[in-house]
Protein backbone atom coordinates (compact mmCIF):
# COMPACT_ATOMS: atom_id res chain seq x y z
CA MET A 1 -148.19 -203.64 65.15
CA SER A 2 -151.64 -205.31 63.57
CA LYS A 3 -154.57 -207.27 65.36
CA ARG A 4 -153.00 -210.73 65.02
CA SER A 5 -149.87 -209.98 66.24
CA LYS A 6 -151.64 -208.28 69.17
CA ILE A 7 -153.39 -211.82 69.99
CA TRP A 8 -150.10 -213.45 69.35
CA LEU A 9 -148.25 -210.91 72.12
CA ALA A 10 -150.98 -211.02 74.26
CA ALA A 11 -151.12 -215.56 73.97
CA ALA A 12 -147.29 -215.41 74.83
CA ILE A 13 -147.92 -212.84 77.93
CA GLY A 14 -150.56 -215.02 79.12
CA MET A 15 -148.41 -218.25 79.06
CA THR A 16 -145.49 -216.70 81.10
CA ALA A 17 -147.53 -215.32 83.58
CA MET A 18 -149.54 -218.14 84.09
CA PHE A 19 -146.06 -219.82 84.73
CA MET A 20 -145.09 -217.44 86.84
CA LEU A 21 -148.30 -218.59 88.72
CA ALA A 22 -147.39 -221.99 88.73
CA ALA A 23 -143.58 -221.62 89.71
CA LEU A 24 -145.21 -219.54 93.12
CA THR A 25 -148.30 -221.71 93.49
CA LEU A 26 -148.00 -225.29 92.70
CA PRO A 27 -145.62 -228.45 94.59
CA ARG A 28 -143.19 -230.06 92.92
CA SER A 29 -144.79 -232.55 90.73
CA PHE A 30 -144.73 -234.49 87.69
CA GLY A 31 -147.76 -231.89 86.29
CA LEU A 32 -145.74 -228.61 86.89
CA THR A 33 -142.52 -230.60 85.12
CA THR A 34 -145.01 -231.37 82.35
CA PHE A 35 -146.45 -227.67 82.27
CA SER A 36 -143.25 -226.10 82.69
CA ASP A 37 -141.58 -228.01 79.68
CA LEU A 38 -143.94 -227.16 77.20
CA THR A 39 -144.59 -223.94 77.98
CA GLN A 40 -140.38 -223.36 77.28
CA CYS A 41 -141.24 -225.35 73.95
CA LEU A 42 -144.22 -223.32 72.76
CA LEU A 43 -142.70 -220.09 73.98
CA LEU A 44 -139.19 -221.03 72.42
CA LEU A 45 -140.83 -222.03 69.06
CA SER A 46 -143.62 -218.74 69.41
CA GLY A 47 -140.18 -216.66 69.01
CA VAL A 48 -138.74 -219.01 66.03
CA ALA A 49 -142.21 -217.84 64.35
CA ALA A 50 -141.93 -214.15 65.47
CA PHE A 51 -138.42 -213.57 64.17
CA ILE A 52 -139.12 -215.91 60.66
CA PRO A 53 -141.05 -213.07 58.91
CA LEU A 54 -138.06 -210.66 59.01
CA ALA A 55 -135.13 -212.69 57.74
CA ARG A 56 -137.99 -213.55 55.06
CA ALA A 57 -138.78 -209.44 54.47
CA SER A 58 -135.22 -208.91 54.35
CA GLN A 59 -131.93 -208.69 52.17
CA GLY A 60 -128.32 -208.74 52.67
CA ARG A 61 -127.06 -208.57 55.46
CA MET A 62 -130.05 -207.55 57.03
CA ARG A 63 -131.48 -211.56 56.16
CA LEU A 64 -128.72 -213.15 57.64
CA PHE A 65 -128.53 -211.11 60.80
CA TRP A 66 -132.09 -212.38 61.58
CA ALA A 67 -131.51 -215.74 60.15
CA LEU A 68 -128.78 -215.65 62.70
CA ILE A 69 -130.59 -215.03 65.61
CA THR A 70 -133.84 -217.20 64.32
CA LEU A 71 -131.06 -220.04 64.34
CA GLY A 72 -130.15 -219.75 67.68
CA ILE A 73 -133.45 -219.40 69.24
CA GLY A 74 -133.52 -222.64 67.14
CA PHE A 75 -130.94 -224.36 68.55
CA TRP A 76 -132.19 -223.66 71.51
CA LEU A 77 -136.18 -225.14 71.11
CA ALA A 78 -134.34 -228.26 69.92
CA TYR A 79 -132.35 -229.05 73.47
CA GLN A 80 -135.50 -227.69 75.23
CA ILE A 81 -137.99 -230.38 72.88
CA PHE A 82 -135.05 -232.91 73.65
CA TRP A 83 -134.88 -232.13 77.88
CA THR A 84 -139.39 -232.25 77.68
CA TYR A 85 -138.86 -235.55 75.65
CA TYR A 86 -137.02 -236.86 78.81
CA GLU A 87 -138.93 -235.66 81.43
CA VAL A 88 -142.55 -235.51 79.96
CA VAL A 89 -142.84 -238.91 77.66
CA LEU A 90 -139.99 -240.63 78.96
CA GLN A 91 -140.30 -239.13 83.01
CA GLN A 92 -136.59 -239.81 83.59
CA ASP A 93 -133.75 -236.84 84.25
CA VAL A 94 -131.38 -235.99 81.15
CA PRO A 95 -128.54 -238.03 81.24
CA ASP A 96 -125.06 -236.47 83.01
CA LEU A 97 -123.24 -236.87 80.26
CA CYS A 98 -125.74 -235.82 77.44
CA ALA A 99 -124.40 -235.64 73.58
CA TRP A 100 -127.44 -232.62 73.06
CA ASP A 101 -125.22 -230.39 75.40
CA ILE A 102 -123.81 -229.48 72.55
CA VAL A 103 -126.60 -227.95 70.60
CA LEU A 104 -126.74 -225.98 73.87
CA PHE A 105 -123.59 -224.74 74.20
CA LEU A 106 -124.16 -223.72 70.22
CA HIS A 107 -127.13 -221.97 70.43
CA MET A 108 -125.35 -219.00 71.79
CA VAL A 109 -122.95 -219.26 68.64
CA PRO A 110 -125.43 -218.10 65.82
CA LEU A 111 -126.19 -215.27 68.15
CA MET A 112 -122.94 -214.13 68.73
CA ALA A 113 -122.45 -213.82 65.07
CA ALA A 114 -125.64 -212.02 64.47
CA ILE A 115 -124.34 -208.94 66.78
CA GLY A 116 -120.63 -209.21 65.20
CA LEU A 117 -122.13 -209.01 62.01
CA ARG A 118 -123.87 -205.61 62.58
CA PRO A 119 -126.22 -204.91 59.69
CA HIS A 120 -126.89 -201.03 60.62
CA VAL A 121 -122.82 -200.57 60.27
CA PRO A 122 -121.98 -200.06 56.21
CA ARG A 123 -119.52 -201.67 54.51
CA ASP A 124 -117.94 -202.83 51.62
CA GLU A 125 -117.45 -205.78 49.74
CA TYR A 126 -113.40 -206.54 50.82
CA ALA A 127 -114.69 -205.54 54.42
CA ALA A 128 -117.70 -208.12 54.86
CA ARG A 129 -115.04 -210.72 53.11
CA VAL A 130 -112.82 -209.64 55.96
CA GLY A 131 -115.49 -209.95 58.61
CA ARG A 132 -116.49 -213.28 57.59
CA LEU A 133 -113.07 -215.25 57.66
CA ASP A 134 -112.55 -213.09 61.45
CA PHE A 135 -116.75 -214.75 62.39
CA THR A 136 -115.18 -217.83 61.13
CA LEU A 137 -111.99 -217.74 63.35
CA LEU A 138 -113.86 -217.14 66.06
CA VAL A 139 -116.87 -219.82 65.57
CA VAL A 140 -114.47 -222.58 65.41
CA TRP A 141 -112.48 -221.41 67.89
CA TRP A 142 -115.46 -221.82 70.05
CA ILE A 143 -115.88 -225.03 69.09
CA TYR A 144 -112.60 -226.11 69.63
CA LEU A 145 -112.69 -224.67 73.08
CA TYR A 146 -116.16 -226.89 73.86
CA VAL A 147 -114.12 -229.79 72.36
CA LEU A 148 -111.24 -229.41 74.39
CA LEU A 149 -112.79 -229.05 77.97
CA VAL A 150 -115.37 -230.77 77.81
CA MET A 151 -115.94 -233.90 75.10
CA PRO A 152 -113.09 -236.15 76.93
CA TRP A 153 -115.00 -236.29 80.40
CA GLN A 154 -117.34 -237.35 78.04
CA TYR A 155 -116.21 -239.79 75.36
CA VAL A 156 -112.12 -240.31 76.75
CA VAL A 157 -112.49 -240.61 79.66
CA PRO A 158 -115.84 -240.23 81.41
CA ASP A 159 -115.73 -238.23 84.56
CA ILE A 160 -119.55 -236.88 85.31
CA ALA A 161 -118.26 -234.52 87.71
CA ALA A 162 -115.14 -233.17 86.19
CA TYR A 163 -117.54 -233.14 82.78
CA ASN A 164 -119.97 -230.77 84.53
CA ARG A 165 -117.28 -228.59 85.69
CA ASN A 166 -115.93 -227.67 82.34
CA LEU A 167 -119.28 -227.56 80.18
CA ASN A 168 -120.57 -224.95 83.00
CA LEU A 169 -116.72 -222.91 82.27
CA ALA A 170 -117.04 -223.12 79.01
CA TYR A 171 -121.00 -221.97 78.79
CA ASN A 172 -119.84 -219.30 81.22
CA ALA A 173 -117.15 -218.16 79.68
CA GLU A 174 -119.33 -218.19 76.73
CA LYS A 175 -122.00 -216.25 77.88
CA ILE A 176 -120.03 -213.38 79.34
CA ALA A 177 -118.15 -213.35 75.80
CA TYR A 178 -122.25 -212.83 74.29
CA LEU A 179 -122.97 -210.06 77.03
CA THR A 180 -120.11 -208.50 76.50
CA GLY A 181 -120.71 -208.09 72.74
CA LEU A 182 -124.02 -207.01 73.34
CA VAL A 183 -122.79 -204.34 75.70
CA GLY A 184 -120.93 -203.03 72.68
CA CYS A 185 -122.98 -203.35 69.97
CA TRP A 186 -125.40 -201.15 72.47
CA ILE A 187 -123.25 -198.08 73.59
CA LEU A 188 -122.19 -197.74 69.49
CA SER A 189 -125.38 -198.13 67.39
CA LYS A 190 -128.09 -195.08 68.10
CA GLY A 191 -131.95 -195.36 67.52
CA GLU A 192 -134.15 -198.55 67.07
CA TRP A 193 -131.17 -200.57 66.72
CA LYS A 194 -129.39 -199.47 70.25
CA LYS A 195 -133.32 -200.63 71.23
CA LEU A 196 -132.93 -203.54 70.39
CA TYR A 197 -129.62 -204.27 71.52
CA ALA A 198 -130.64 -202.63 74.78
CA PHE A 199 -133.42 -205.92 74.58
CA LEU A 200 -130.93 -208.24 73.75
CA PHE A 201 -129.25 -208.07 76.33
CA GLY A 202 -131.78 -207.52 78.87
CA ILE A 203 -133.10 -210.59 77.53
CA GLY A 204 -129.68 -212.57 77.59
CA LEU A 205 -128.97 -211.55 81.03
CA CYS A 206 -132.45 -213.06 82.78
CA TYR A 207 -131.11 -216.07 80.82
CA SER A 208 -127.13 -216.49 81.95
CA THR A 209 -128.82 -215.30 85.45
CA SER A 210 -131.33 -218.32 85.91
CA SER A 211 -129.17 -221.01 83.86
CA THR A 212 -126.23 -220.01 86.77
CA LEU A 213 -129.00 -220.35 90.01
CA ALA A 214 -130.16 -223.53 87.96
CA ASN A 215 -126.65 -225.01 88.12
CA TRP A 216 -126.01 -224.00 91.49
CA ALA A 217 -129.34 -225.84 92.60
CA ILE A 218 -128.62 -228.62 90.10
CA ALA A 219 -125.27 -229.55 92.14
CA ARG A 220 -126.78 -229.29 95.49
CA GLY A 221 -129.97 -231.28 94.77
CA ALA A 222 -132.40 -228.22 94.99
CA TYR A 223 -133.61 -227.90 91.12
CA TYR A 224 -137.03 -229.05 89.30
CA SER A 225 -138.34 -227.94 85.72
CA GLY A 226 -141.30 -225.32 87.31
CA SER A 227 -139.25 -224.08 90.07
CA LEU A 228 -138.54 -220.17 91.04
CA TYR A 229 -135.09 -220.63 89.44
CA ASP A 230 -136.97 -220.92 86.08
CA VAL A 231 -138.95 -217.89 86.43
CA PRO A 232 -136.07 -215.73 84.91
CA LEU A 233 -136.20 -218.26 82.08
CA VAL A 234 -139.70 -218.66 80.91
CA ALA A 235 -139.61 -214.44 81.30
CA ALA A 236 -136.68 -214.19 78.66
CA MET A 237 -138.35 -216.78 76.22
CA GLY A 238 -141.42 -214.66 76.14
CA CYS A 239 -139.76 -211.50 75.32
CA LEU A 240 -138.36 -213.25 71.95
CA THR A 241 -141.77 -213.30 70.81
CA TRP A 242 -142.27 -209.21 71.76
CA ILE A 243 -138.88 -208.32 69.90
CA GLY A 244 -139.99 -210.39 67.06
CA LEU A 245 -143.43 -208.55 66.63
CA ARG A 246 -142.46 -205.08 67.89
CA THR A 247 -139.36 -205.50 65.16
CA LYS A 248 -139.73 -204.09 61.54
CA SER A 249 -137.31 -205.33 58.43
CA ALA A 250 -136.31 -201.53 58.05
CA LYS A 251 -133.56 -201.16 56.17
CA PRO A 252 -130.02 -200.38 58.42
CA GLU A 253 -129.46 -196.95 59.63
CA ALA A 254 -125.94 -196.12 58.56
CA ASP A 255 -123.42 -194.95 62.19
CA ALA A 256 -120.41 -192.83 61.88
CA PRO A 257 -117.59 -194.36 59.63
CA GLY A 258 -115.51 -193.98 62.36
CA ALA A 259 -117.48 -196.76 64.43
CA ALA A 260 -117.62 -199.35 61.81
CA SER A 261 -113.52 -198.91 61.13
CA SER A 262 -113.26 -199.54 65.38
CA TYR A 263 -115.63 -202.44 65.71
CA GLY A 264 -114.02 -203.82 62.81
CA VAL A 265 -110.85 -203.80 64.57
CA TRP A 266 -111.70 -205.08 67.14
CA ILE A 267 -113.42 -207.92 65.69
CA ALA A 268 -109.92 -208.16 63.82
CA ARG A 269 -107.77 -208.46 67.32
CA CYS A 270 -110.44 -211.42 69.02
CA SER A 271 -109.99 -212.79 65.66
CA MET A 272 -106.24 -212.90 66.44
CA ILE A 273 -106.40 -213.62 69.80
CA ALA A 274 -107.94 -216.91 69.18
CA VAL A 275 -105.39 -217.80 66.58
CA PHE A 276 -102.66 -217.46 69.27
CA SER A 277 -104.44 -219.09 72.16
CA LEU A 278 -103.61 -222.14 70.36
CA PRO A 279 -100.07 -222.30 71.92
CA LEU A 280 -100.77 -221.97 74.79
CA PHE A 281 -103.33 -224.40 75.19
CA ALA A 282 -101.04 -226.68 73.72
CA GLY A 283 -98.53 -226.24 76.74
CA TRP A 284 -101.53 -226.20 79.34
CA VAL A 285 -101.91 -229.57 77.58
CA ILE A 286 -98.70 -230.71 78.12
CA LEU A 287 -97.73 -229.60 81.26
CA ASP A 288 -100.95 -230.66 82.91
CA GLY A 289 -100.37 -234.08 84.93
CA GLN A 290 -103.09 -234.59 86.72
CA VAL A 291 -105.49 -235.80 83.35
CA PRO A 292 -105.07 -238.61 82.13
CA ALA A 293 -102.32 -239.69 79.46
CA ARG A 294 -105.51 -240.11 76.93
CA ILE A 295 -107.17 -237.15 77.51
CA ARG A 296 -103.75 -235.37 76.86
CA VAL A 297 -103.23 -237.01 73.68
CA PHE A 298 -106.97 -236.26 72.11
CA ARG A 299 -106.62 -232.86 73.59
CA LEU A 300 -102.47 -232.15 71.82
CA THR A 301 -103.93 -234.47 68.70
CA LEU A 302 -107.41 -231.76 68.80
CA THR A 303 -105.21 -228.50 69.09
CA LEU A 304 -102.88 -229.17 66.08
CA CYS A 305 -105.72 -229.68 63.83
CA ALA A 306 -107.26 -226.88 64.81
CA ALA A 307 -103.91 -224.80 64.77
CA PHE A 308 -103.87 -225.92 61.39
CA PHE A 309 -107.16 -225.16 60.00
CA MET A 310 -107.00 -222.27 61.68
CA GLY A 311 -103.48 -221.40 60.05
CA VAL A 312 -105.02 -222.11 56.97
CA LEU A 313 -107.73 -219.17 57.17
CA VAL A 314 -105.46 -216.74 58.36
CA PHE A 315 -103.43 -217.49 55.47
CA VAL A 316 -106.33 -216.41 52.95
CA ARG A 317 -107.03 -213.25 55.45
CA HIS A 318 -103.20 -212.03 54.46
CA GLN A 319 -103.66 -213.30 51.30
CA MET A 320 -106.99 -210.95 50.77
CA LEU A 321 -105.34 -208.13 52.71
CA ASP A 322 -101.96 -208.17 50.37
CA ARG A 323 -104.47 -207.70 47.51
CA GLU A 324 -106.67 -204.68 49.26
CA LEU A 325 -103.15 -203.59 50.28
CA TYR A 326 -101.92 -203.43 46.35
CA ARG A 327 -105.33 -202.51 44.84
CA LEU A 328 -104.82 -199.55 47.57
CA LEU A 329 -101.72 -198.87 46.15
CA SER A 330 -102.36 -198.46 42.85
CA TYR A 331 -105.14 -196.61 43.55
CA SER A 332 -103.41 -194.04 45.75
CA HIS A 333 -100.70 -193.93 42.73
CA ASP A 334 -103.63 -193.00 40.25
CA SER A 335 -105.03 -190.38 42.21
CA PHE A 336 -101.72 -188.47 42.65
CA ASP A 337 -100.92 -188.56 38.93
CA SER A 338 -105.11 -187.02 38.88
CA LEU A 339 -103.96 -184.63 41.51
CA LYS A 340 -100.27 -183.62 39.29
CA ARG A 341 -102.52 -183.18 36.42
CA LEU A 342 -105.67 -181.50 38.11
CA GLN A 343 -102.75 -179.14 39.47
CA ALA A 344 -101.09 -178.49 36.49
CA GLN A 345 -104.25 -178.06 34.68
CA ILE A 346 -105.56 -175.46 37.54
CA LEU A 347 -101.93 -173.10 36.88
CA GLN A 348 -102.75 -173.46 32.87
CA SER A 349 -106.75 -172.42 33.99
CA GLU A 350 -104.72 -169.25 35.84
CA LYS A 351 -102.71 -168.29 32.76
CA LEU A 352 -105.05 -168.59 30.40
CA ALA A 353 -107.49 -166.65 32.45
CA SER A 354 -104.94 -164.03 33.45
CA ILE A 355 -104.08 -163.93 29.58
CA GLY A 356 -107.79 -163.29 28.98
CA GLN A 357 -107.62 -160.35 30.76
CA LEU A 358 -105.17 -159.06 29.13
CA VAL A 359 -105.43 -158.94 25.50
CA GLY A 360 -109.49 -158.34 26.71
CA GLY A 361 -108.15 -155.02 27.48
CA ALA A 362 -105.27 -154.50 24.98
CA ALA A 363 -108.38 -155.58 22.46
CA HIS A 364 -110.82 -152.95 23.45
CA GLU A 365 -108.16 -150.35 23.58
CA LEU A 366 -107.13 -151.37 20.03
CA ASN A 367 -110.55 -151.13 19.51
CA ASN A 368 -111.07 -147.44 18.93
CA PRO A 369 -108.18 -146.09 16.60
CA ILE A 370 -108.74 -149.15 14.29
CA THR A 371 -112.91 -147.97 14.15
CA ALA A 372 -110.88 -144.26 13.14
CA MET A 373 -109.10 -146.27 11.26
CA LEU A 374 -111.69 -148.17 9.24
CA GLY A 375 -113.60 -144.71 8.80
CA TYR A 376 -110.56 -143.05 7.48
CA SER A 377 -110.47 -146.08 4.80
CA ASP A 378 -113.87 -146.13 3.58
CA LEU A 379 -113.79 -142.04 3.36
CA LEU A 380 -110.27 -142.50 1.46
CA LEU A 381 -112.31 -144.65 -1.29
CA SER A 382 -114.83 -142.19 -1.50
CA THR A 383 -112.51 -139.16 -2.84
CA ALA A 384 -111.28 -139.45 -6.08
CA LEU A 385 -108.22 -141.43 -6.81
CA THR A 386 -105.80 -142.58 -9.32
CA ALA A 387 -105.53 -145.91 -10.81
CA GLU A 388 -102.37 -146.92 -8.86
CA GLN A 389 -104.06 -145.31 -5.23
CA LYS A 390 -106.98 -146.88 -5.31
CA PRO A 391 -106.13 -150.92 -5.41
CA LEU A 392 -103.90 -149.43 -2.37
CA ALA A 393 -106.95 -147.77 -0.25
CA VAL A 394 -108.51 -151.37 -1.44
CA LYS A 395 -106.03 -153.07 0.17
CA ILE A 396 -106.12 -150.44 3.06
CA GLY A 397 -109.56 -151.28 3.94
CA GLN A 398 -109.11 -155.02 3.79
CA HIS A 399 -106.41 -155.41 6.09
CA VAL A 400 -107.86 -152.87 8.84
CA ARG A 401 -111.37 -155.48 8.24
CA ARG A 402 -109.19 -157.95 9.36
CA THR A 403 -107.65 -156.29 12.25
CA LYS A 404 -110.61 -155.45 13.61
CA SER A 405 -111.99 -159.17 12.46
CA LEU A 406 -109.22 -160.37 14.60
CA VAL A 407 -109.40 -157.87 17.86
CA ALA A 408 -113.38 -159.27 18.12
CA SER A 409 -111.92 -162.80 17.98
CA LEU A 410 -109.07 -161.84 21.05
CA ILE A 411 -112.22 -160.26 22.74
CA SER A 412 -114.35 -163.48 22.15
CA PHE A 413 -111.46 -165.60 23.24
CA ALA A 414 -111.21 -163.72 26.79
CA ARG A 415 -114.83 -163.56 27.46
CA GLN A 416 -115.20 -166.83 27.25
CA SER A 417 -118.73 -167.29 28.87
CA PRO A 418 -120.99 -170.72 28.59
CA SER A 419 -124.46 -169.33 26.56
CA PRO A 420 -127.57 -171.73 25.71
CA LYS A 421 -127.33 -174.14 22.90
CA THR A 422 -130.12 -175.13 20.22
CA PRO A 423 -129.82 -177.54 17.31
CA LEU A 424 -128.47 -175.45 14.34
CA ASP A 425 -128.32 -175.85 10.99
CA LEU A 426 -124.97 -175.52 9.45
CA ASN A 427 -125.96 -175.21 5.89
CA THR A 428 -127.73 -172.05 6.93
CA LEU A 429 -125.04 -170.71 9.19
CA ALA A 430 -122.53 -171.46 6.16
CA ARG A 431 -125.00 -169.09 3.59
CA THR A 432 -125.47 -166.47 6.05
CA ALA A 433 -121.34 -166.32 6.28
CA VAL A 434 -121.17 -165.92 3.10
CA LYS A 435 -124.03 -163.00 2.83
CA LEU A 436 -122.22 -161.15 5.61
CA THR A 437 -118.45 -161.22 3.88
CA GLN A 438 -120.14 -160.62 0.36
CA PRO A 439 -118.48 -157.00 0.28
CA GLN A 440 -115.36 -158.42 0.64
CA TRP A 441 -115.35 -161.25 -1.89
CA GLU A 442 -117.38 -159.20 -4.57
CA ALA A 443 -113.90 -156.08 -3.94
CA LEU A 444 -111.45 -158.54 -4.54
CA GLU A 445 -113.62 -160.44 -7.49
CA VAL A 446 -113.28 -163.87 -5.66
CA ASP A 447 -115.91 -166.48 -7.10
CA VAL A 448 -117.65 -168.38 -4.16
CA ARG A 449 -119.23 -171.46 -4.66
CA MET A 450 -120.87 -173.64 -2.33
CA GLN A 451 -121.62 -177.35 -2.62
CA LEU A 452 -123.95 -178.29 0.38
CA ASP A 453 -125.71 -181.58 1.69
CA SER A 454 -129.07 -181.00 2.11
CA SER A 455 -129.51 -184.12 4.29
CA LEU A 456 -127.30 -182.97 6.85
CA GLN A 457 -128.03 -183.39 10.11
CA LYS A 458 -128.55 -180.68 12.61
CA VAL A 459 -125.75 -179.60 15.02
CA LEU A 460 -126.07 -178.39 18.98
CA GLY A 461 -124.35 -175.12 19.46
CA ASP A 462 -124.66 -171.01 19.99
CA SER A 463 -125.49 -169.57 16.88
CA ASN A 464 -123.37 -166.50 17.59
CA GLN A 465 -120.47 -167.93 17.99
CA LEU A 466 -120.34 -170.73 15.59
CA LEU A 467 -121.16 -168.34 12.74
CA GLN A 468 -118.09 -166.21 14.26
CA VAL A 469 -116.29 -169.08 13.37
CA CYS A 470 -117.77 -168.95 10.11
CA LEU A 471 -116.92 -165.15 8.95
CA GLN A 472 -113.34 -166.30 10.91
CA MET A 473 -112.85 -169.27 8.53
CA LEU A 474 -114.02 -166.63 5.13
CA ALA A 475 -111.57 -164.30 6.10
CA ASN A 476 -108.80 -166.41 6.51
CA SER A 477 -109.49 -167.89 2.52
CA LEU A 478 -109.98 -164.32 1.92
CA HIS A 479 -106.83 -163.20 2.95
CA LEU A 480 -105.34 -165.58 1.40
CA LEU A 481 -106.27 -165.02 -2.21
CA ALA A 482 -105.61 -161.57 -1.14
CA GLU A 483 -101.65 -162.54 -0.89
CA HIS A 484 -101.28 -165.55 -3.02
CA GLY A 485 -103.47 -164.91 -5.88
CA GLY A 486 -106.60 -166.74 -6.53
CA ARG A 487 -110.47 -166.13 -7.43
CA VAL A 488 -111.98 -168.85 -6.22
CA VAL A 489 -113.37 -170.39 -2.80
CA ASN A 490 -115.47 -173.67 -2.02
CA VAL A 491 -117.36 -173.96 0.95
CA THR A 492 -119.33 -177.44 1.19
CA THR A 493 -120.45 -179.64 3.68
CA GLN A 494 -121.23 -183.02 4.61
CA GLY A 495 -122.29 -185.40 7.39
CA ARG A 496 -119.72 -188.90 7.97
CA GLU A 497 -121.01 -191.34 10.62
CA GLY A 498 -122.26 -188.76 13.14
CA VAL A 499 -120.33 -186.13 12.84
CA CYS A 500 -121.04 -182.44 10.47
CA LEU A 501 -118.45 -180.78 8.63
CA LEU A 502 -117.81 -177.73 6.95
CA GLN A 503 -115.06 -177.19 4.83
CA ILE A 504 -113.80 -174.51 3.24
CA PHE A 505 -110.83 -174.72 0.23
CA THR A 506 -108.73 -172.31 -1.06
CA PRO A 507 -106.93 -172.76 -4.08
CA GLY A 508 -103.30 -171.65 -3.84
CA ALA A 509 -100.19 -171.06 -5.99
CA PRO A 510 -96.59 -171.77 -4.22
CA SER A 511 -95.90 -168.72 -2.73
CA SER A 512 -92.12 -167.04 -3.92
CA ASP A 513 -89.76 -168.53 -1.09
CA GLY A 514 -91.19 -171.61 -1.69
CA SER A 515 -92.79 -172.63 1.85
CA ASN A 516 -95.96 -174.04 1.84
CA ALA A 517 -97.91 -172.00 4.63
CA PRO A 518 -98.51 -168.34 4.01
CA PRO A 519 -96.50 -165.54 5.51
CA ALA A 520 -99.49 -164.14 7.54
CA GLU A 521 -99.68 -168.27 8.91
CA ALA A 522 -99.19 -166.39 13.10
CA GLU A 523 -102.06 -164.02 12.96
CA ASP A 524 -104.43 -166.86 11.05
CA GLY A 525 -103.28 -169.07 14.51
CA LEU A 526 -104.01 -166.86 16.99
CA ALA A 527 -107.83 -165.95 15.44
CA LEU A 528 -108.55 -170.02 14.77
CA SER A 529 -106.89 -170.48 18.14
CA ALA A 530 -109.81 -168.54 19.50
CA CYS A 531 -112.14 -170.44 16.83
CA GLN A 532 -111.01 -173.84 18.12
CA GLY A 533 -111.93 -172.56 21.94
CA ILE A 534 -114.99 -172.09 20.87
CA LEU A 535 -115.13 -175.22 19.26
CA GLN A 536 -113.91 -177.25 22.08
CA GLU A 537 -117.26 -175.81 23.51
CA HIS A 538 -118.96 -177.68 21.16
CA HIS A 539 -117.03 -180.93 21.54
CA GLY A 540 -115.91 -180.17 17.87
CA GLN A 541 -112.82 -179.01 16.18
CA ILE A 542 -111.12 -176.82 13.49
CA VAL A 543 -108.41 -178.41 11.11
CA ARG A 544 -106.29 -176.44 8.43
CA GLU A 545 -104.04 -178.06 6.05
CA TYR A 546 -102.02 -176.79 3.66
CA GLY A 547 -101.03 -178.34 0.40
CA LYS A 548 -97.87 -178.12 -1.86
CA ASP A 549 -99.20 -175.51 -4.27
CA GLY A 550 -100.57 -173.47 -1.31
CA ALA A 551 -103.72 -173.95 -1.33
CA MET A 552 -105.22 -173.97 2.01
CA LEU A 553 -107.98 -176.26 3.45
CA LEU A 554 -110.22 -175.62 6.79
CA ARG A 555 -112.27 -178.02 8.34
CA VAL A 556 -114.86 -177.96 10.74
CA GLU A 557 -115.72 -180.82 12.88
CA LEU A 558 -118.77 -181.03 14.83
CA PRO A 559 -121.15 -183.82 16.52
CA ALA A 560 -124.48 -184.31 14.74
CA ILE A 561 -127.64 -184.66 17.39
CA ASP A 562 -130.22 -187.36 17.18
CA PRO A 563 -133.05 -186.12 14.40
CA ILE A 564 -135.90 -186.48 17.45
CA THR A 565 -133.92 -183.74 19.20
CA SER A 566 -133.25 -181.66 16.53
CA THR A 567 -137.19 -180.86 16.26
CA ALA A 568 -136.77 -178.99 19.71
CA THR A 569 -136.49 -175.49 19.55
CA GLU A 570 -135.20 -174.35 16.68
CA SER A 571 -132.15 -171.73 17.37
CA LYS A 572 -132.44 -168.14 16.41
CA ALA A 573 -129.44 -167.34 14.14
CA PRO A 574 -128.64 -163.42 13.67
CA ALA A 575 -129.74 -163.12 9.81
CA LEU A 576 -130.71 -165.85 7.54
CA TRP A 577 -130.75 -166.18 4.23
CA PRO A 578 -132.70 -168.95 1.44
CA SER A 579 -130.28 -171.32 -0.60
CA GLN A 580 -129.01 -169.47 -3.38
CA PRO A 581 -126.23 -170.26 -5.75
CA TYR A 582 -123.31 -168.06 -5.81
CA ALA A 583 -121.19 -167.35 -9.31
């Protein structure tokens, strides 16, 4: 608390103490009345001034909370100024049938709305809208209750005794409801909010006790301003300044969701009870034959108007509930569908994991005989062979190498482990793949022609995995040439709308049975499935197209990265060769 706040609080405590001393020592007089009324006005004004900064420094529901408390104290101050004007300026008693009594009654309504708001409880926008409607219903009900019980004896058929009796009845019911709400908030809150509600309850209890005792003394002619009956009242006014100065406008603390929903249910129940009480009041009005007919007509008309207005609010509330229920139902359907898709994906993932383990084990077992076959085929080529035997030995070596490449793809598919990705030059990967497969395409007397886009942007990926994709694509193309004939493979790269393309085109001729797809399409598909799995991790894809003449086009599409990002750490691609033409 700042030095200025301490001085302010000390002044409020001093005024409260001086009033208590005056009430104990001074006799009934005009000076005591003046001092009492002015002290109460100053203390209420100090309370309003202490709460205004809290409202200004807060946001959302917190600001509304402090604003409602300030408004309630402001109504109380307005009534006290009116009381002081009559007793000090006009030097006469306040009229028995006073129109300002409704201000005193209504000053409790903003306070009840503030504790009903409970800004420390988290709520969504829908709950806040429904809560505002519930509070509006309760506020309308309290105003209706005052007009129903009090105003007929003030304006329709003036009767001081009936007016005071009904005013005290309505006011006491309002104070009991306010204190009950504070007790509920006190029990359900925690931390600083628990202390705040406890202090507000103490102030409300002091004020309610003082006003009840004062009304009892007024009925017996023993009350006067500045008497001992006002001591609890002035103490409550002084505490308002202390609460306003000690409280910080911090963010609301989150309570348990269960407490918020339970409290909201009780508010909704109270609002519905208020609505259903209107027919009971209407029946009471009709059956009450002791009051004048004019009052019965007034009360019945008022009840019908209140029923219509509150019925409109209930209709709006149920429309909001219907829309929210429909939204929740749609959300439940979407969630159920998503859950089913997720279960299917999990099941598929488990199947793929099992297949991956099986394929990985089988591939490792196949590696040993394939390695032996490859060694024997190379040994066979190094021996003296006839002109007819040598091409057959070359084909054996080619098919063994192709099988070894297929097994390597299966092992890579079985692993599927994430690896770090760095900016890569797709042109460099293509040149490296062509160089690594040079012994294969030279043995087949194939001409590999490269047309690379020098302005191609870089891609983000794992150099080892993408190089494996390039090698597999070239292996598939060379296999097609070995099966159908042909002597040219075209390797091209180009950029297109944020996508980098690597294309390998293999011209061909129709197969002997007239089909468009090569005979080894099943084997190619298995190998390219592993490539597709790698490309999916890189947010890309591989496309295979066949021409009518048996030609095949393999196209890899990878998203290009921003040039600024590509200047970061470059990848360490294995065995990179400079750009050079292959003829």
